[in-house]
Amino acid sequence: MNREQTLIKFLIAAISVYLTGVILPGVNVANMWIAIVVSAFIGLLNILLKPLLIILTIPITFITFGLFLVVINGFMIYLADKIVSGFEVKTFWLAMVFSIVLSIITFLLERFFGIQPPPDQS
């Protein structure tokens, strides 16, 4: 993926954060700049913390057929809520719903703008 596509994906992620905040009651994204910060912070958490959490929770993820990954994503959103000023999610359950809606909106926007998923490495 080149720089242009990376920038477009980042902007789509920020727009998705903002739209998800508009759609869901109990979520407040103060403005688009906060959505950009939240998007960057979640991206950083996904790079640094999420792999460790996935490894530590392999047994429960296996038992729940992967559904525990929604809990991990919700935890990332909830952590962003606690650290980024201007971004508020009322409850942990709402953070999990936020992560699901965010994924759906991001998927739809990426398809609309023609962003292709990375090719298989196999």
N, C-alpha and C. Protein backbone atom coordinates (compact mmCIF):
# COMPACT_ATOMS: atom_id res chain seq x y z
N MET A 1 0.85 -1.17 0.00
CA MET A 1 0.00 0.00 0.00
C MET A 1 0.91 1.24 0.00
N ASN A 2 0.60 2.18 -0.88
CA ASN A 2 1.43 3.37 -0.96
C ASN A 2 0.98 4.43 0.05
N ARG A 3 1.71 5.53 0.11
CA ARG A 3 1.41 6.58 1.09
C ARG A 3 0.04 7.19 0.89
N GLU A 4 -0.32 7.38 -0.36
CA GLU A 4 -1.61 7.98 -0.66
C GLU A 4 -2.75 7.11 -0.12
N GLN A 5 -2.69 5.82 -0.36
CA GLN A 5 -3.73 4.92 0.16
C GLN A 5 -3.73 4.88 1.68
N THR A 6 -2.54 4.93 2.29
CA THR A 6 -2.45 4.93 3.74
C THR A 6 -3.12 6.18 4.30
N LEU A 7 -2.86 7.32 3.71
CA LEU A 7 -3.48 8.56 4.16
C LEU A 7 -4.99 8.51 3.98
N ILE A 8 -5.45 8.00 2.85
CA ILE A 8 -6.89 7.89 2.61
C ILE A 8 -7.53 6.95 3.63
N LYS A 9 -6.88 5.82 3.93
CA LYS A 9 -7.41 4.89 4.94
C LYS A 9 -7.49 5.55 6.31
N PHE A 10 -6.47 6.34 6.65
CA PHE A 10 -6.47 7.05 7.93
C PHE A 10 -7.61 8.06 8.00
N LEU A 11 -7.80 8.82 6.93
CA LEU A 11 -8.89 9.80 6.90
C LEU A 11 -10.26 9.12 6.95
N ILE A 12 -10.39 7.99 6.26
CA ILE A 12 -11.63 7.22 6.32
C ILE A 12 -11.88 6.73 7.75
N ALA A 13 -10.83 6.29 8.42
CA ALA A 13 -10.97 5.84 9.80
C ALA A 13 -11.43 6.99 10.69
N ALA A 14 -10.87 8.18 10.49
CA ALA A 14 -11.27 9.34 11.29
C ALA A 14 -12.72 9.73 11.02
N ILE A 15 -13.10 9.73 9.75
CA ILE A 15 -14.49 10.04 9.39
C ILE A 15 -15.43 8.99 10.00
N SER A 16 -15.00 7.74 9.99
CA SER A 16 -15.81 6.66 10.57
C SER A 16 -16.00 6.86 12.07
N VAL A 17 -14.94 7.27 12.76
CA VAL A 17 -15.05 7.54 14.20
C VAL A 17 -16.07 8.66 14.42
N TYR A 18 -15.96 9.71 13.64
CA TYR A 18 -16.88 10.84 13.79
C TYR A 18 -18.33 10.42 13.51
N LEU A 19 -18.55 9.71 12.40
CA LEU A 19 -19.91 9.28 12.06
C LEU A 19 -20.48 8.32 13.09
N THR A 20 -19.66 7.43 13.60
CA THR A 20 -20.13 6.49 14.62
C THR A 20 -20.54 7.25 15.88
N GLY A 21 -19.78 8.28 16.22
CA GLY A 21 -20.13 9.12 17.36
C GLY A 21 -21.44 9.87 17.15
N VAL A 22 -21.72 10.26 15.91
CA VAL A 22 -22.97 10.95 15.59
C VAL A 22 -24.15 9.96 15.67
N ILE A 23 -23.94 8.75 15.20
CA ILE A 23 -25.01 7.76 15.12
C ILE A 23 -25.41 7.21 16.50
N LEU A 24 -24.42 6.90 17.32
CA LEU A 24 -24.71 6.20 18.58
C LEU A 24 -24.99 7.17 19.73
N PRO A 25 -26.14 7.02 20.38
CA PRO A 25 -26.37 7.82 21.59
C PRO A 25 -25.47 7.31 22.71
N GLY A 26 -24.98 8.22 23.52
CA GLY A 26 -24.07 7.82 24.59
C GLY A 26 -22.61 7.90 24.19
N VAL A 27 -22.35 8.29 22.95
CA VAL A 27 -20.98 8.49 22.47
C VAL A 27 -20.87 9.94 22.04
N ASN A 28 -19.81 10.60 22.50
CA ASN A 28 -19.60 11.99 22.13
C ASN A 28 -18.19 12.16 21.53
N VAL A 29 -18.16 12.60 20.29
CA VAL A 29 -16.90 12.98 19.64
C VAL A 29 -17.03 14.48 19.43
N ALA A 30 -16.22 15.26 20.16
CA ALA A 30 -16.39 16.71 20.21
C ALA A 30 -16.34 17.37 18.83
N ASN A 31 -15.39 16.95 18.00
CA ASN A 31 -15.27 17.53 16.65
C ASN A 31 -14.40 16.62 15.79
N MET A 32 -14.20 17.02 14.55
CA MET A 32 -13.45 16.18 13.62
C MET A 32 -11.99 16.03 14.05
N TRP A 33 -11.41 17.07 14.65
CA TRP A 33 -10.02 16.97 15.11
C TRP A 33 -9.88 15.89 16.18
N ILE A 34 -10.85 15.83 17.07
CA ILE A 34 -10.84 14.78 18.10
C ILE A 34 -10.98 13.42 17.44
N ALA A 35 -11.81 13.32 16.40
CA ALA A 35 -11.96 12.05 15.68
C ALA A 35 -10.64 11.62 15.06
N ILE A 36 -9.87 12.58 14.55
CA ILE A 36 -8.55 12.27 13.98
C ILE A 36 -7.61 11.76 15.07
N VAL A 37 -7.63 12.41 16.24
CA VAL A 37 -6.78 11.98 17.36
C VAL A 37 -7.19 10.59 17.83
N VAL A 38 -8.50 10.37 17.97
CA VAL A 38 -9.00 9.06 18.42
C VAL A 38 -8.60 7.97 17.41
N SER A 39 -8.74 8.28 16.13
CA SER A 39 -8.38 7.32 15.09
C SER A 39 -6.89 6.97 15.18
N ALA A 40 -6.05 7.98 15.35
CA ALA A 40 -4.60 7.73 15.47
C ALA A 40 -4.29 6.93 16.73
N PHE A 41 -4.96 7.27 17.83
CA PHE A 41 -4.71 6.57 19.09
C PHE A 41 -5.13 5.11 19.01
N ILE A 42 -6.30 4.86 18.43
CA ILE A 42 -6.76 3.48 18.27
C ILE A 42 -5.82 2.71 17.35
N GLY A 43 -5.35 3.36 16.30
CA GLY A 43 -4.37 2.71 15.41
C GLY A 43 -3.10 2.35 16.16
N LEU A 44 -2.64 3.25 17.01
CA LEU A 44 -1.44 2.99 17.81
C LEU A 44 -1.67 1.83 18.78
N LEU A 45 -2.84 1.82 19.42
CA LEU A 45 -3.18 0.71 20.32
C LEU A 45 -3.24 -0.61 19.56
N ASN A 46 -3.81 -0.58 18.35
CA ASN A 46 -3.90 -1.80 17.55
C ASN A 46 -2.53 -2.33 17.16
N ILE A 47 -1.57 -1.46 17.01
CA ILE A 47 -0.21 -1.89 16.67
C ILE A 47 0.53 -2.40 17.90
N LEU A 48 0.42 -1.69 19.02
CA LEU A 48 1.24 -1.99 20.19
C LEU A 48 0.60 -2.94 21.20
N LEU A 49 -0.68 -2.76 21.49
CA LEU A 49 -1.30 -3.51 22.58
C LEU A 49 -2.15 -4.69 22.13
N LYS A 50 -2.85 -4.53 21.04
CA LYS A 50 -3.80 -5.56 20.61
C LYS A 50 -3.15 -6.93 20.35
N PRO A 51 -1.97 -7.01 19.69
CA PRO A 51 -1.37 -8.34 19.50
C PRO A 51 -1.10 -9.07 20.82
N LEU A 52 -0.64 -8.32 21.81
CA LEU A 52 -0.38 -8.92 23.12
C LEU A 52 -1.68 -9.43 23.75
N LEU A 53 -2.73 -8.62 23.68
CA LEU A 53 -4.02 -9.04 24.25
C LEU A 53 -4.57 -10.27 23.53
N ILE A 54 -4.41 -10.32 22.23
CA ILE A 54 -4.89 -11.48 21.48
C ILE A 54 -4.15 -12.74 21.90
N ILE A 55 -2.84 -12.64 22.05
CA ILE A 55 -2.05 -13.81 22.47
C ILE A 55 -2.46 -14.26 23.87
N LEU A 56 -2.63 -13.30 24.78
CA LEU A 56 -2.99 -13.65 26.17
C LEU A 56 -4.39 -14.23 26.30
N THR A 57 -5.26 -13.94 25.33
CA THR A 57 -6.65 -14.40 25.42
C THR A 57 -6.98 -15.49 24.41
N ILE A 58 -5.98 -16.15 23.86
CA ILE A 58 -6.23 -17.21 22.87
C ILE A 58 -7.22 -18.27 23.38
N PRO A 59 -7.07 -18.77 24.61
CA PRO A 59 -8.02 -19.81 25.04
C PRO A 59 -9.47 -19.35 25.03
N ILE A 60 -9.76 -18.18 25.59
CA ILE A 60 -11.16 -17.72 25.63
C ILE A 60 -11.64 -17.32 24.24
N THR A 61 -10.74 -16.81 23.40
CA THR A 61 -11.11 -16.48 22.02
C THR A 61 -11.48 -17.76 21.27
N PHE A 62 -10.73 -18.81 21.49
CA PHE A 62 -11.01 -20.09 20.86
C PHE A 62 -12.35 -20.65 21.32
N ILE A 63 -12.60 -20.59 22.64
CA ILE A 63 -13.84 -21.13 23.20
C ILE A 63 -15.06 -20.36 22.69
N THR A 64 -14.90 -19.05 22.49
CA THR A 64 -16.03 -18.22 22.04
C THR A 64 -16.07 -18.07 20.52
N PHE A 65 -15.30 -18.90 19.82
CA PHE A 65 -15.27 -18.88 18.36
C PHE A 65 -14.91 -17.50 17.80
N GLY A 66 -14.02 -16.80 18.50
CA GLY A 66 -13.53 -15.50 18.04
C GLY A 66 -14.34 -14.31 18.50
N LEU A 67 -15.48 -14.54 19.12
CA LEU A 67 -16.31 -13.41 19.54
C LEU A 67 -15.67 -12.58 20.65
N PHE A 68 -14.71 -13.14 21.36
CA PHE A 68 -14.03 -12.38 22.41
C PHE A 68 -13.22 -11.23 21.81
N LEU A 69 -12.91 -11.31 20.53
CA LEU A 69 -12.20 -10.21 19.88
C LEU A 69 -13.01 -8.92 19.91
N VAL A 70 -14.34 -9.03 19.94
CA VAL A 70 -15.19 -7.85 20.08
C VAL A 70 -14.95 -7.19 21.44
N VAL A 71 -14.74 -8.00 22.47
CA VAL A 71 -14.44 -7.47 23.80
C VAL A 71 -13.10 -6.75 23.78
N ILE A 72 -12.11 -7.32 23.11
CA ILE A 72 -10.80 -6.68 23.01
C ILE A 72 -10.92 -5.34 22.28
N ASN A 73 -11.67 -5.32 21.17
CA ASN A 73 -11.88 -4.07 20.44
C ASN A 73 -12.61 -3.05 21.31
N GLY A 74 -13.60 -3.50 22.05
CA GLY A 74 -14.32 -2.61 22.97
C GLY A 74 -13.39 -2.04 24.03
N PHE A 75 -12.47 -2.87 24.51
CA PHE A 75 -11.49 -2.40 25.49
C PHE A 75 -10.62 -1.30 24.90
N MET A 76 -10.23 -1.45 23.64
CA MET A 76 -9.41 -0.42 22.97
C MET A 76 -10.18 0.90 22.89
N ILE A 77 -11.47 0.82 22.55
CA ILE A 77 -12.30 2.02 22.47
C ILE A 77 -12.45 2.64 23.86
N TYR A 78 -12.70 1.81 24.86
CA TYR A 78 -12.86 2.31 26.23
C TYR A 78 -11.58 2.96 26.73
N LEU A 79 -10.44 2.40 26.38
CA LEU A 79 -9.15 2.98 26.75
C LEU A 79 -8.96 4.34 26.07
N ALA A 80 -9.36 4.44 24.81
CA ALA A 80 -9.30 5.72 24.11
C ALA A 80 -10.20 6.74 24.80
N ASP A 81 -11.35 6.31 25.26
CA ASP A 81 -12.27 7.19 25.98
C ASP A 81 -11.60 7.76 27.23
N LYS A 82 -10.87 6.95 27.94
CA LYS A 82 -10.24 7.38 29.19
C LYS A 82 -9.04 8.30 28.94
N ILE A 83 -8.40 8.20 27.77
CA ILE A 83 -7.16 8.95 27.53
C ILE A 83 -7.37 10.19 26.67
N VAL A 84 -8.22 10.12 25.66
CA VAL A 84 -8.41 11.23 24.73
C VAL A 84 -9.52 12.14 25.24
N SER A 85 -9.15 13.36 25.57
CA SER A 85 -10.13 14.36 26.01
C SER A 85 -10.98 14.79 24.81
N GLY A 86 -12.29 14.87 25.00
CA GLY A 86 -13.19 15.23 23.92
C GLY A 86 -13.85 14.03 23.26
N PHE A 87 -13.47 12.83 23.72
CA PHE A 87 -14.07 11.59 23.23
C PHE A 87 -14.63 10.87 24.44
N GLU A 88 -15.94 10.61 24.40
CA GLU A 88 -16.59 9.99 25.55
C GLU A 88 -17.51 8.86 25.11
N VAL A 89 -17.34 7.71 25.76
CA VAL A 89 -18.22 6.56 25.59
C VAL A 89 -18.76 6.24 26.98
N LYS A 90 -20.08 6.23 27.12
CA LYS A 90 -20.70 6.12 28.45
C LYS A 90 -20.40 4.82 29.17
N THR A 91 -20.45 3.67 28.46
CA THR A 91 -20.27 2.38 29.13
C THR A 91 -19.36 1.48 28.30
N PHE A 92 -18.88 0.44 28.95
CA PHE A 92 -18.05 -0.53 28.24
C PHE A 92 -18.85 -1.25 27.17
N TRP A 93 -20.12 -1.56 27.47
CA TRP A 93 -20.98 -2.23 26.48
C TRP A 93 -21.14 -1.37 25.25
N LEU A 94 -21.30 -0.08 25.46
CA LEU A 94 -21.42 0.84 24.35
C LEU A 94 -20.11 0.93 23.56
N ALA A 95 -18.99 0.76 24.25
CA ALA A 95 -17.69 0.73 23.56
C ALA A 95 -17.62 -0.47 22.62
N MET A 96 -18.17 -1.61 23.04
CA MET A 96 -18.18 -2.78 22.17
C MET A 96 -19.09 -2.56 20.96
N VAL A 97 -20.26 -1.94 21.19
CA VAL A 97 -21.16 -1.61 20.08
C VAL A 97 -20.48 -0.61 19.16
N PHE A 98 -19.80 0.37 19.74
CA PHE A 98 -19.06 1.37 18.95
C PHE A 98 -18.05 0.68 18.03
N SER A 99 -17.33 -0.30 18.56
CA SER A 99 -16.32 -0.98 17.74
C SER A 99 -16.95 -1.73 16.57
N ILE A 100 -18.12 -2.33 16.79
CA ILE A 100 -18.81 -3.05 15.71
C ILE A 100 -19.31 -2.07 14.65
N VAL A 101 -19.98 -1.01 15.09
CA VAL A 101 -20.50 -0.01 14.15
C VAL A 101 -19.36 0.68 13.41
N LEU A 102 -18.28 0.97 14.12
CA LEU A 102 -17.10 1.58 13.50
C LEU A 102 -16.54 0.68 12.39
N SER A 103 -16.47 -0.60 12.64
CA SER A 103 -15.97 -1.54 11.63
C SER A 103 -16.87 -1.55 10.39
N ILE A 104 -18.17 -1.54 10.62
CA ILE A 104 -19.11 -1.56 9.50
C ILE A 104 -19.01 -0.29 8.67
N ILE A 105 -18.98 0.87 9.33
CA ILE A 105 -18.88 2.14 8.61
C ILE A 105 -17.56 2.24 7.86
N THR A 106 -16.48 1.82 8.50
CA THR A 106 -15.17 1.85 7.84
C THR A 106 -15.18 0.96 6.60
N PHE A 107 -15.73 -0.24 6.74
CA PHE A 107 -15.82 -1.17 5.61
C PHE A 107 -16.59 -0.53 4.45
N LEU A 108 -17.75 0.06 4.76
CA LEU A 108 -18.58 0.66 3.71
C LEU A 108 -17.88 1.84 3.04
N LEU A 109 -17.25 2.69 3.82
CA LEU A 109 -16.55 3.85 3.24
C LEU A 109 -15.35 3.41 2.40
N GLU A 110 -14.62 2.41 2.86
CA GLU A 110 -13.48 1.92 2.07
C GLU A 110 -13.94 1.34 0.75
N ARG A 111 -15.05 0.63 0.74
CA ARG A 111 -15.57 0.09 -0.51
C ARG A 111 -16.07 1.21 -1.42
N PHE A 112 -16.73 2.22 -0.83
CA PHE A 112 -17.24 3.34 -1.61
C PHE A 112 -16.11 4.11 -2.29
N PHE A 113 -14.99 4.29 -1.57
CA PHE A 113 -13.85 5.02 -2.12
C PHE A 113 -12.86 4.13 -2.86
N GLY A 114 -13.17 2.84 -2.97
CA GLY A 114 -12.37 1.94 -3.77
C GLY A 114 -11.06 1.51 -3.12
N ILE A 115 -11.00 1.54 -1.80
CA ILE A 115 -9.80 1.07 -1.10
C ILE A 115 -9.88 -0.45 -0.99
N GLN A 116 -8.90 -1.12 -1.54
CA GLN A 116 -8.89 -2.59 -1.55
C GLN A 116 -8.16 -3.12 -0.32
N PRO A 117 -8.62 -4.25 0.20
CA PRO A 117 -7.89 -4.87 1.31
C PRO A 117 -6.53 -5.34 0.81
N PRO A 118 -5.56 -5.44 1.74
CA PRO A 118 -4.23 -5.91 1.32
C PRO A 118 -4.31 -7.33 0.78
N PRO A 119 -3.48 -7.67 -0.22
CA PRO A 119 -3.51 -9.01 -0.78
C PRO A 119 -3.05 -10.06 0.23
N ASP A 120 -3.52 -11.29 0.03
CA ASP A 120 -3.08 -12.39 0.89
C ASP A 120 -1.58 -12.56 0.77
N GLN A 121 -0.93 -12.86 1.90
CA GLN A 121 0.51 -13.06 1.91
C GLN A 121 0.90 -14.53 1.71
N SER A 122 -0.10 -15.39 1.47
CA SER A 122 0.19 -16.82 1.33
C SER A 122 0.58 -17.19 -0.07
